[in-house]
C-alpha atoms as a PDB file:
ATOM      1  CA  MET A   1      59.824 -81.662 -11.253  1.00  0.00           C
ATOM      2  CA  LYS A   2      56.876 -80.585 -13.282  1.00  0.00           C
ATOM      3  CA  PHE A   3      55.231 -78.411 -10.573  1.00  0.00           C
ATOM      4  CA  GLU A   4      58.815 -76.967  -9.783  1.00  0.00           C
ATOM      5  CA  GLU A   5      59.021 -76.112 -13.496  1.00  0.00           C
ATOM      6  CA  PHE A   6      55.526 -74.400 -13.479  1.00  0.00           C
ATOM      7  CA  PHE A   7      56.112 -72.456 -10.644  1.00  0.00           C
ATOM      8  CA  PHE A   8      59.121 -71.287 -11.762  1.00  0.00           C
ATOM      9  CA  SER A   9      57.754 -70.185 -15.009  1.00  0.00           C
ATOM     10  CA  TYR A  10      54.548 -68.758 -13.080  1.00  0.00           C
ATOM     11  CA  LEU A  11      57.379 -66.074 -11.470  1.00  0.00           C
ATOM     12  CA  ARG A  12      58.252 -65.374 -14.586  1.00  0.00           C
ATOM     13  CA  LEU A  13      55.311 -63.686 -15.750  1.00  0.00           C
ATOM     14  CA  PRO A  14      54.647 -60.101 -15.285  1.00  0.00           C
ATOM     15  CA  MET A  15      53.341 -59.071 -12.044  1.00  0.00           C
ATOM     16  CA  LEU A  16      50.171 -57.669 -13.399  1.00  0.00           C
ATOM     17  CA  ILE A  17      49.394 -61.231 -14.828  1.00  0.00           C
ATOM     18  CA  ARG A  18      50.434 -62.715 -11.959  1.00  0.00           C
ATOM     19  CA  LEU A  19      48.009 -60.562  -9.652  1.00  0.00           C
ATOM     20  CA  PHE A  20      44.934 -61.321 -12.235  1.00  0.00           C
ATOM     21  CA  SER A  21      45.719 -64.988 -11.973  1.00  0.00           C
ATOM     22  CA  ILE A  22      45.611 -64.702  -7.802  1.00  0.00           C
ATOM     23  CA  ILE A  23      42.343 -62.357  -7.905  1.00  0.00           C
ATOM     24  CA  GLY A  24      40.501 -65.035 -10.611  1.00  0.00           C
ATOM     25  CA  SER A  25      41.367 -67.931  -8.451  1.00  0.00           C
ATOM     26  CA  LEU A  26      39.746 -66.122  -5.536  1.00  0.00           C
ATOM     27  CA  MET A  27      36.818 -65.211  -7.220  1.00  0.00           C
ATOM     28  CA  ILE A  28      36.220 -68.571  -8.343  1.00  0.00           C
ATOM     29  CA  LEU A  29      37.303 -69.940  -5.432  1.00  0.00           C
ATOM     30  CA  PHE A  30      34.794 -68.021  -3.203  1.00  0.00           C
ATOM     31  CA  GLY A  31      32.038 -68.161  -5.782  1.00  0.00           C
ATOM     32  CA  VAL A  32      31.999 -72.110  -5.511  1.00  0.00           C
ATOM     33  CA  LEU A  33      32.135 -72.117  -1.836  1.00  0.00           C
ATOM     34  CA  ILE A  34      29.297 -69.942  -1.233  1.00  0.00           C
ATOM     35  CA  HIS A  35      27.188 -71.520  -3.895  1.00  0.00           C
ATOM     36  CA  PHE A  36      27.656 -75.082  -1.899  1.00  0.00           C
ATOM     37  CA  LEU A  37      27.352 -73.353   1.274  1.00  0.00           C
ATOM     38  CA  GLU A  38      23.919 -71.480   0.564  1.00  0.00           C
ATOM     39  CA  PRO A  39      22.411 -72.981  -2.872  1.00  0.00           C
ATOM     40  CA  LYS A  40      19.498 -71.198  -2.014  1.00  0.00           C
ATOM     41  CA  ASN A  41      20.922 -67.962  -1.575  1.00  0.00           C
ATOM     42  CA  PHE A  42      23.483 -68.448  -4.505  1.00  0.00           C
ATOM     43  CA  PRO A  43      21.688 -71.071  -6.989  1.00  0.00           C
ATOM     44  CA  THR A  44      24.166 -71.152  -9.297  1.00  0.00           C
ATOM     45  CA  VAL A  45      28.227 -71.261  -9.146  1.00  0.00           C
ATOM     46  CA  PHE A  46      28.005 -67.917 -11.482  1.00  0.00           C
ATOM     47  CA  VAL A  47      25.885 -65.697  -8.981  1.00  0.00           C
ATOM     48  CA  GLY A  48      28.515 -67.124  -6.452  1.00  0.00           C
ATOM     49  CA  ILE A  49      31.160 -65.406  -8.517  1.00  0.00           C
ATOM     50  CA  TYR A  50      29.566 -62.037  -9.054  1.00  0.00           C
ATOM     51  CA  TRP A  51      28.705 -61.888  -5.346  1.00  0.00           C
ATOM     52  CA  ALA A  52      32.099 -62.799  -4.397  1.00  0.00           C
ATOM     53  CA  VAL A  53      33.676 -59.692  -7.487  1.00  0.00           C
ATOM     54  CA  MET A  54      31.266 -57.357  -5.723  1.00  0.00           C
ATOM     55  CA  THR A  55      31.969 -58.325  -2.313  1.00  0.00           C
ATOM     56  CA  ALA A  56      35.817 -58.148  -2.993  1.00  0.00           C
ATOM     57  CA  ALA A  57      35.568 -55.109  -4.929  1.00  0.00           C
ATOM     58  CA  THR A  58      34.006 -53.467  -1.877  1.00  0.00           C
ATOM     59  CA  VAL A  59      30.890 -52.466  -4.165  1.00  0.00           C
ATOM     60  CA  GLY A  60      28.212 -54.958  -2.327  1.00  0.00           C
ATOM     61  CA  PHE A  61      24.928 -54.166  -4.113  1.00  0.00           C
ATOM     62  CA  GLY A  62      23.056 -56.372  -1.670  1.00  0.00           C
ATOM     63  CA  ASP A  63      20.774 -58.437  -4.667  1.00  0.00           C
ATOM     64  CA  PHE A  64      22.557 -61.524  -3.053  1.00  0.00           C
ATOM     65  CA  VAL A  65      23.677 -61.810   0.862  1.00  0.00           C
ATOM     66  CA  PRO A  66      25.149 -64.517   2.930  1.00  0.00           C
ATOM     67  CA  ARG A  67      22.411 -65.709   5.658  1.00  0.00           C
ATOM     68  CA  SER A  68      24.490 -68.523   7.607  1.00  0.00           C
ATOM     69  CA  PHE A  69      27.224 -68.088  10.077  1.00  0.00           C
ATOM     70  CA  SER A  70      29.521 -69.582   7.506  1.00  0.00           C
ATOM     71  CA  GLY A  71      28.961 -67.530   4.923  1.00  0.00           C
ATOM     72  CA  ARG A  72      28.967 -64.614   6.749  1.00  0.00           C
ATOM     73  CA  PHE A  73      32.859 -65.884   7.621  1.00  0.00           C
ATOM     74  CA  ILE A  74      33.384 -66.728   3.695  1.00  0.00           C
ATOM     75  CA  ALA A  75      32.506 -63.239   3.245  1.00  0.00           C
ATOM     76  CA  ILE A  76      34.923 -61.644   6.027  1.00  0.00           C
ATOM     77  CA  LEU A  77      37.494 -63.192   4.791  1.00  0.00           C
ATOM     78  CA  LEU A  78      37.150 -62.823   1.295  1.00  0.00           C
ATOM     79  CA  VAL A  79      36.577 -58.867   1.843  1.00  0.00           C
ATOM     80  CA  PHE A  80      40.310 -59.472   3.372  1.00  0.00           C
ATOM     81  CA  LEU A  81      41.969 -60.822   0.769  1.00  0.00           C
ATOM     82  CA  GLY A  82      40.092 -60.341  -2.057  1.00  0.00           C
ATOM     83  CA  GLY A  83      39.914 -56.527  -1.370  1.00  0.00           C
ATOM     84  CA  SER A  84      43.745 -56.198  -0.576  1.00  0.00           C
ATOM     85  CA  PHE A  85      44.619 -58.215  -3.840  1.00  0.00           C
ATOM     86  CA  ILE A  86      42.232 -55.747  -5.853  1.00  0.00           C
ATOM     87  CA  ALA A  87      43.888 -53.008  -4.108  1.00  0.00           C
ATOM     88  CA  PHE A  88      47.393 -53.946  -4.979  1.00  0.00           C
ATOM     89  CA  PHE A  89      46.777 -54.865  -8.678  1.00  0.00           C
ATOM     90  CA  THR A  90      44.896 -51.467  -8.760  1.00  0.00           C
ATOM     91  CA  VAL A  91      47.873 -49.615  -7.796  1.00  0.00           C
ATOM     92  CA  HIS A  92      50.042 -51.854  -9.608  1.00  0.00           C
ATOM     93  CA  ALA A  93      48.363 -51.265 -12.491  1.00  0.00           C
ATOM     94  CA  ALA A  94      48.525 -47.231 -11.931  1.00  0.00           C
ATOM     95  CA  SER A  95      52.164 -47.902 -11.484  1.00  0.00           C
ATOM     96  CA  ALA A  96      53.020 -49.649 -14.749  1.00  0.00           C
ATOM     97  CA  VAL A  97      51.236 -46.699 -16.692  1.00  0.00           C
ATOM     98  CA  ILE A  98      53.151 -44.235 -14.836  1.00  0.00           C
ATOM     99  CA  LYS A  99      56.430 -45.888 -15.595  1.00  0.00           C
ATOM    100  CA  SER A 100      55.042 -46.955 -19.185  1.00  0.00           C
ATOM    101  CA  GLN A 101      54.737 -42.799 -19.651  1.00  0.00           C
ATOM    102  CA  ASN A 102      57.859 -41.714 -18.126  1.00  0.00           C
ATOM    103  CA  LYS A 103      60.107 -44.092 -20.451  1.00  0.00           C
ATOM    104  CA  TYR A 104      58.016 -42.820 -23.416  1.00  0.00           C
ATOM    105  CA  LYS A 105      58.907 -39.086 -22.343  1.00  0.00           C
ATOM    106  CA  GLU A 106      62.628 -40.766 -21.226  1.00  0.00           C
ATOM    107  CA  GLY A 107      63.255 -42.366 -25.166  1.00  0.00           C
ATOM    108  CA  LYS A 108      63.722 -45.660 -23.451  1.00  0.00           C
ATOM    109  CA  LEU A 109      60.596 -47.523 -24.995  1.00  0.00           C
ATOM    110  CA  MET A 110      61.032 -50.210 -27.755  1.00  0.00           C
ATOM    111  CA  PHE A 111      58.769 -48.606 -31.099  1.00  0.00           C
ATOM    112  CA  ASN A 112      56.660 -51.253 -33.025  1.00  0.00           C
ATOM    113  CA  GLY A 113      54.991 -49.051 -35.720  1.00  0.00           C
ATOM    114  CA  THR A 114      56.022 -49.005 -39.331  1.00  0.00           C
ATOM    115  CA  GLY A 115      56.555 -46.736 -42.214  1.00  0.00           C
ATOM    116  CA  HIS A 116      58.224 -43.953 -39.738  1.00  0.00           C
ATOM    117  CA  LEU A 117      60.564 -41.199 -40.230  1.00  0.00           C
ATOM    118  CA  CYS A 118      63.517 -41.367 -38.371  1.00  0.00           C
ATOM    119  CA  ILE A 119      65.738 -37.778 -37.897  1.00  0.00           C
ATOM    120  CA  VAL A 120      68.899 -38.043 -35.665  1.00  0.00           C
ATOM    121  CA  GLY A 121      69.806 -34.912 -34.238  1.00  0.00           C
ATOM    122  CA  TRP A 122      67.874 -32.220 -31.938  1.00  0.00           C
ATOM    123  CA  ASN A 123      68.672 -28.624 -33.499  1.00  0.00           C
ATOM    124  CA  GLU A 124      66.843 -26.146 -34.748  1.00  0.00           C
ATOM    125  CA  ARG A 125      67.060 -27.545 -38.493  1.00  0.00           C
ATOM    126  CA  ALA A 126      65.123 -30.965 -37.060  1.00  0.00           C
ATOM    127  CA  LYS A 127      62.903 -28.675 -35.606  1.00  0.00           C
ATOM    128  CA  GLN A 128      61.951 -26.526 -37.898  1.00  0.00           C
ATOM    129  CA  THR A 129      61.907 -29.521 -40.628  1.00  0.00           C
ATOM    130  CA  ILE A 130      59.658 -31.253 -38.119  1.00  0.00           C
ATOM    131  CA  SER A 131      57.221 -28.616 -38.141  1.00  0.00           C
ATOM    132  CA  THR A 132      57.333 -28.137 -41.727  1.00  0.00           C
ATOM    133  CA  LEU A 133      56.296 -32.336 -41.886  1.00  0.00           C
ATOM    134  CA  SER A 134      53.558 -32.038 -39.323  1.00  0.00           C
ATOM    135  CA  GLN A 135      51.882 -29.184 -41.595  1.00  0.00           C
ATOM    136  CA  GLU A 136      51.518 -31.835 -44.615  1.00  0.00           C
ATOM    137  CA  GLN A 137      48.380 -34.123 -45.094  1.00  0.00           C
ATOM    138  CA  ASP A 138      50.133 -37.442 -45.435  1.00  0.00           C
ATOM    139  CA  SER A 139      50.327 -38.439 -41.853  1.00  0.00           C
ATOM    140  CA  PHE A 140      53.082 -41.022 -40.769  1.00  0.00           C
ATOM    141  CA  THR A 141      55.063 -40.910 -37.547  1.00  0.00           C
ATOM    142  CA  ILE A 142      57.933 -38.828 -37.143  1.00  0.00           C
ATOM    143  CA  MET A 143      60.919 -40.219 -34.657  1.00  0.00           C
ATOM    144  CA  ILE A 144      63.534 -37.984 -33.063  1.00  0.00           C
ATOM    145  CA  ILE A 145      67.011 -40.186 -32.096  1.00  0.00           C
ATOM    146  CA  ASP A 146      69.247 -38.579 -29.835  1.00  0.00           C
ATOM    147  CA  SER A 147      71.641 -39.427 -26.927  1.00  0.00           C
ATOM    148  CA  SER A 148      71.767 -35.944 -25.582  1.00  0.00           C
ATOM    149  CA  LEU A 149      68.369 -35.106 -24.584  1.00  0.00           C
ATOM    150  CA  ASN A 150      67.003 -36.157 -21.571  1.00  0.00           C
ATOM    151  CA  GLU A 151      63.104 -36.636 -22.490  1.00  0.00           C
ATOM    152  CA  ASN A 152      60.670 -35.993 -25.926  1.00  0.00           C
ATOM    153  CA  PRO A 153      60.907 -32.498 -26.599  1.00  0.00           C
ATOM    154  CA  LEU A 154      58.245 -32.573 -28.828  1.00  0.00           C
ATOM    155  CA  SER A 155      55.658 -35.699 -26.723  1.00  0.00           C
ATOM    156  CA  ASN A 156      52.456 -33.443 -26.631  1.00  0.00           C
ATOM    157  CA  GLN A 157      52.748 -33.734 -30.747  1.00  0.00           C
ATOM    158  CA  GLY A 158      52.726 -37.289 -31.435  1.00  0.00           C
ATOM    159  CA  VAL A 159      56.450 -37.174 -31.891  1.00  0.00           C
ATOM    160  CA  PHE A 160      58.183 -40.468 -30.801  1.00  0.00           C
ATOM    161  CA  PHE A 161      61.662 -40.280 -29.163  1.00  0.00           C
ATOM    162  CA  ILE A 162      64.641 -42.719 -28.666  1.00  0.00           C
ATOM    163  CA  LYS A 163      67.771 -41.688 -26.375  1.00  0.00           C
ATOM    164  CA  GLY A 164      70.756 -43.054 -28.262  1.00  0.00           C
ATOM    165  CA  SER A 165      73.850 -43.283 -30.273  1.00  0.00           C
ATOM    166  CA  PRO A 166      72.613 -43.397 -33.822  1.00  0.00           C
ATOM    167  CA  ALA A 167      76.386 -45.385 -34.076  1.00  0.00           C
ATOM    168  CA  LYS A 168      74.987 -47.773 -32.093  1.00  0.00           C
ATOM    169  CA  ASP A 169      72.629 -51.416 -33.590  1.00  0.00           C
ATOM    170  CA  GLU A 170      70.812 -50.988 -29.949  1.00  0.00           C
ATOM    171  CA  THR A 171      69.670 -47.387 -30.538  1.00  0.00           C
ATOM    172  CA  TRP A 172      67.795 -48.572 -34.446  1.00  0.00           C
ATOM    173  CA  GLU A 173      66.577 -51.983 -32.689  1.00  0.00           C
ATOM    174  CA  LYS A 174      64.691 -49.925 -30.545  1.00  0.00           C
ATOM    175  CA  ALA A 175      63.616 -47.651 -33.136  1.00  0.00           C
ATOM    176  CA  ASN A 176      62.356 -50.736 -35.106  1.00  0.00           C
ATOM    177  CA  ILE A 177      64.591 -49.560 -38.365  1.00  0.00           C
ATOM    178  CA  LYS A 178      63.774 -52.570 -40.432  1.00  0.00           C
ATOM    179  CA  GLU A 179      60.384 -51.172 -40.956  1.00  0.00           C
ATOM    180  CA  ALA A 180      61.152 -47.705 -41.030  1.00  0.00           C
ATOM    181  CA  LYS A 181      60.835 -45.902 -44.406  1.00  0.00           C
ATOM    182  CA  ALA A 182      63.427 -42.627 -44.416  1.00  0.00           C
ATOM    183  CA  VAL A 183      66.433 -41.547 -42.294  1.00  0.00           C
ATOM    184  CA  LEU A 184      67.119 -38.027 -42.151  1.00  0.00           C
ATOM    185  CA  LEU A 185      70.742 -37.657 -40.378  1.00  0.00           C
ATOM    186  CA  THR A 186      71.802 -33.977 -39.185  1.00  0.00           C
ATOM    187  CA  ALA A 187      74.868 -33.135 -38.660  1.00  0.00           C
ATOM    188  CA  ASP A 188      76.317 -32.959 -35.290  1.00  0.00           C
ATOM    189  CA  GLN A 189      76.814 -29.052 -33.766  1.00  0.00           C
ATOM    190  CA  ASN A 190      79.149 -29.991 -30.896  1.00  0.00           C
ATOM    191  CA  MET A 191      81.542 -31.385 -33.240  1.00  0.00           C
ATOM    192  CA  LYS A 192      84.057 -29.805 -35.598  1.00  0.00           C
ATOM    193  CA  GLU A 193      82.747 -30.270 -39.051  1.00  0.00           C
ATOM    194  CA  ALA A 194      85.155 -33.290 -39.790  1.00  0.00           C
ATOM    195  CA  GLU A 195      84.560 -35.118 -36.794  1.00  0.00           C
ATOM    196  CA  ALA A 196      80.762 -34.399 -37.643  1.00  0.00           C
ATOM    197  CA  ASP A 197      81.236 -36.018 -40.913  1.00  0.00           C
ATOM    198  CA  MET A 198      83.004 -39.005 -39.685  1.00  0.00           C
ATOM    199  CA  HIS A 199      79.785 -39.603 -36.976  1.00  0.00           C
ATOM    200  CA  THR A 200      77.421 -39.409 -40.024  1.00  0.00           C
ATOM    201  CA  ILE A 201      79.315 -41.575 -42.147  1.00  0.00           C
ATOM    202  CA  LEU A 202      79.541 -44.159 -39.000  1.00  0.00           C
ATOM    203  CA  SER A 203      75.879 -43.711 -38.816  1.00  0.00           C
ATOM    204  CA  ILE A 204      75.125 -44.058 -42.074  1.00  0.00           C
ATOM    205  CA  ILE A 205      76.955 -47.346 -42.255  1.00  0.00           C
ATOM    206  CA  THR A 206      74.951 -48.633 -38.797  1.00  0.00           C
ATOM    207  CA  VAL A 207      71.494 -48.114 -40.344  1.00  0.00           C
ATOM    208  CA  LYS A 208      72.159 -49.497 -43.661  1.00  0.00           C
ATOM    209  CA  GLY A 209      73.713 -52.385 -42.133  1.00  0.00           C
ATOM    210  CA  LEU A 210      70.506 -53.271 -40.345  1.00  0.00           C
ATOM    211  CA  ASN A 211      68.152 -52.287 -43.033  1.00  0.00           C
ATOM    212  CA  PRO A 212      70.003 -51.664 -46.504  1.00  0.00           C
ATOM    213  CA  SER A 213      66.327 -50.767 -48.322  1.00  0.00           C
ATOM    214  CA  VAL A 214      65.679 -47.747 -46.258  1.00  0.00           C
ATOM    215  CA  HIS A 215      66.069 -44.426 -47.733  1.00  0.00           C
ATOM    216  CA  VAL A 216      68.886 -42.460 -45.849  1.00  0.00           C
ATOM    217  CA  MET A 217      69.570 -38.849 -46.202  1.00  0.00           C
ATOM    218  CA  ALA A 218      72.607 -37.221 -44.595  1.00  0.00           C
ATOM    219  CA  GLU A 219      73.773 -33.342 -43.649  1.00  0.00           C
ATOM    220  CA  ILE A 220      77.683 -33.238 -44.800  1.00  0.00           C
ATOM    221  CA  LEU A 221      79.345 -30.570 -44.086  1.00  0.00           C
ATOM    222  CA  THR A 222      82.766 -30.785 -45.395  1.00  0.00           C
ATOM    223  CA  PRO A 223      82.858 -31.569 -49.689  1.00  0.00           C
ATOM    224  CA  GLU A 224      85.841 -33.986 -49.020  1.00  0.00           C
ATOM    225  CA  GLN A 225      83.265 -36.426 -47.325  1.00  0.00           C
ATOM    226  CA  HIS A 226      80.363 -36.691 -50.186  1.00  0.00           C
ATOM    227  CA  ASN A 227      82.340 -39.535 -52.170  1.00  0.00           C
ATOM    228  CA  ASN A 228      82.531 -41.582 -48.521  1.00  0.00           C
ATOM    229  CA  SER A 229      78.694 -40.796 -47.766  1.00  0.00           C
ATOM    230  CA  MET A 230      77.990 -42.329 -50.697  1.00  0.00           C
ATOM    231  CA  ARG A 231      80.090 -45.235 -50.330  1.00  0.00           C
ATOM    232  CA  ALA A 232      78.640 -45.673 -47.176  1.00  0.00           C
ATOM    233  CA  GLY A 233      75.312 -46.271 -48.496  1.00  0.00           C
ATOM    234  CA  ALA A 234      73.406 -42.709 -48.252  1.00  0.00           C
ATOM    235  CA  ASP A 235      70.874 -42.204 -50.854  1.00  0.00           C
ATOM    236  CA  GLU A 236      70.940 -38.358 -51.042  1.00  0.00           C
ATOM    237  CA  LEU A 237      73.320 -35.667 -49.384  1.00  0.00           C
ATOM    238  CA  ILE A 238      72.504 -32.253 -47.743  1.00  0.00           C
ATOM    239  CA  ASN A 239      75.216 -29.546 -47.939  1.00  0.00           C
ATOM    240  CA  THR A 240      73.902 -27.060 -45.628  1.00  0.00           C
ATOM    241  CA  THR A 241      77.600 -25.294 -45.569  1.00  0.00           C
ATOM    242  CA  ASN A 242      76.879 -24.490 -49.399  1.00  0.00           C
ATOM    243  CA  LEU A 243      73.320 -23.788 -49.295  1.00  0.00           C
ATOM    244  CA  ALA A 244      74.366 -20.953 -46.609  1.00  0.00           C
ATOM    245  CA  SER A 245      77.239 -20.051 -48.136  1.00  0.00           C
ATOM    246  CA  ASN A 246      75.464 -19.648 -51.567  1.00  0.00           C
ATOM    247  CA  CYS A 247      72.584 -17.717 -49.616  1.00  0.00           C
ATOM    248  CA  MET A 248      74.947 -15.481 -47.896  1.00  0.00           C
ATOM    249  CA  ALA A 249      76.729 -14.630 -51.052  1.00  0.00           C
ATOM    250  CA  GLN A 250      73.961 -13.472 -53.089  1.00  0.00           C
ATOM    251  CA  ILE A 251      72.593 -11.581 -50.072  1.00  0.00           C
ATOM    252  CA  SER A 252      76.127  -9.776 -49.853  1.00  0.00           C
ATOM    253  CA  PHE A 253      76.614  -9.149 -53.740  1.00  0.00           C
ATOM    254  CA  GLN A 254      73.091  -7.879 -54.040  1.00  0.00           C
ATOM    255  CA  SER A 255      73.754  -5.620 -50.980  1.00  0.00           C
ATOM    256  CA  MET A 256      76.946  -3.965 -52.819  1.00  0.00           C
ATOM    257  CA  ARG A 257      74.984  -3.392 -56.237  1.00  0.00           C
ATOM    258  CA  LYS A 258      72.748  -1.387 -54.050  1.00  0.00           C
ATOM    259  CA  GLY A 259      75.593   0.448 -52.381  1.00  0.00           C
END
């Protein structure tokens, strides 16, 4: 029963760890065998293991060489067995790196950092905000959270990306919201103003439920939802509609005076 438990525990290990354990065991086994078969040519077990690693890796420096028939037969087995496992290990390791990079671009990796800023929604406002923040001297990690993007638009700039809805717990758990410093929620331009505000409020509730101490800044489009946003737990509200309206009114007024 204990052997079965050990065997199934071993099968649950990651593939790279299992391959590494097999390769290590083979190197030790063949190193010990060659030492006992040819103690003169391989005076210590360590020398035998060194020879086994060099032979299996097909490097073969030639500083230690088996002379007997049994020793050379062991070398042949080692090249076939050890070389195959090492080649498979190398291919699997390269594949794991590529998969990890793809998951990073696709926003499927778990973020383990701390003190980061989460910006929800990918739009021109978010893009300009990230561009401005990137010019500041204080360095901190910026994260984009969006459900419509298929890959990280700023992966080359060190910006992390999480694909998912900001109204779901699993999205914020991937973003490590418990260790985040601030959250900026931008309004979804694909929705009507009232609907976008309701979605933002739901996101605020989700964020504050997971981390009540995180500083939440939310873009609200309709004045009617200001109080509800504050009740939900928003620390600061940004009304871009009023800002744009005031700006347009001032420009129009100045144009009329000039005319």
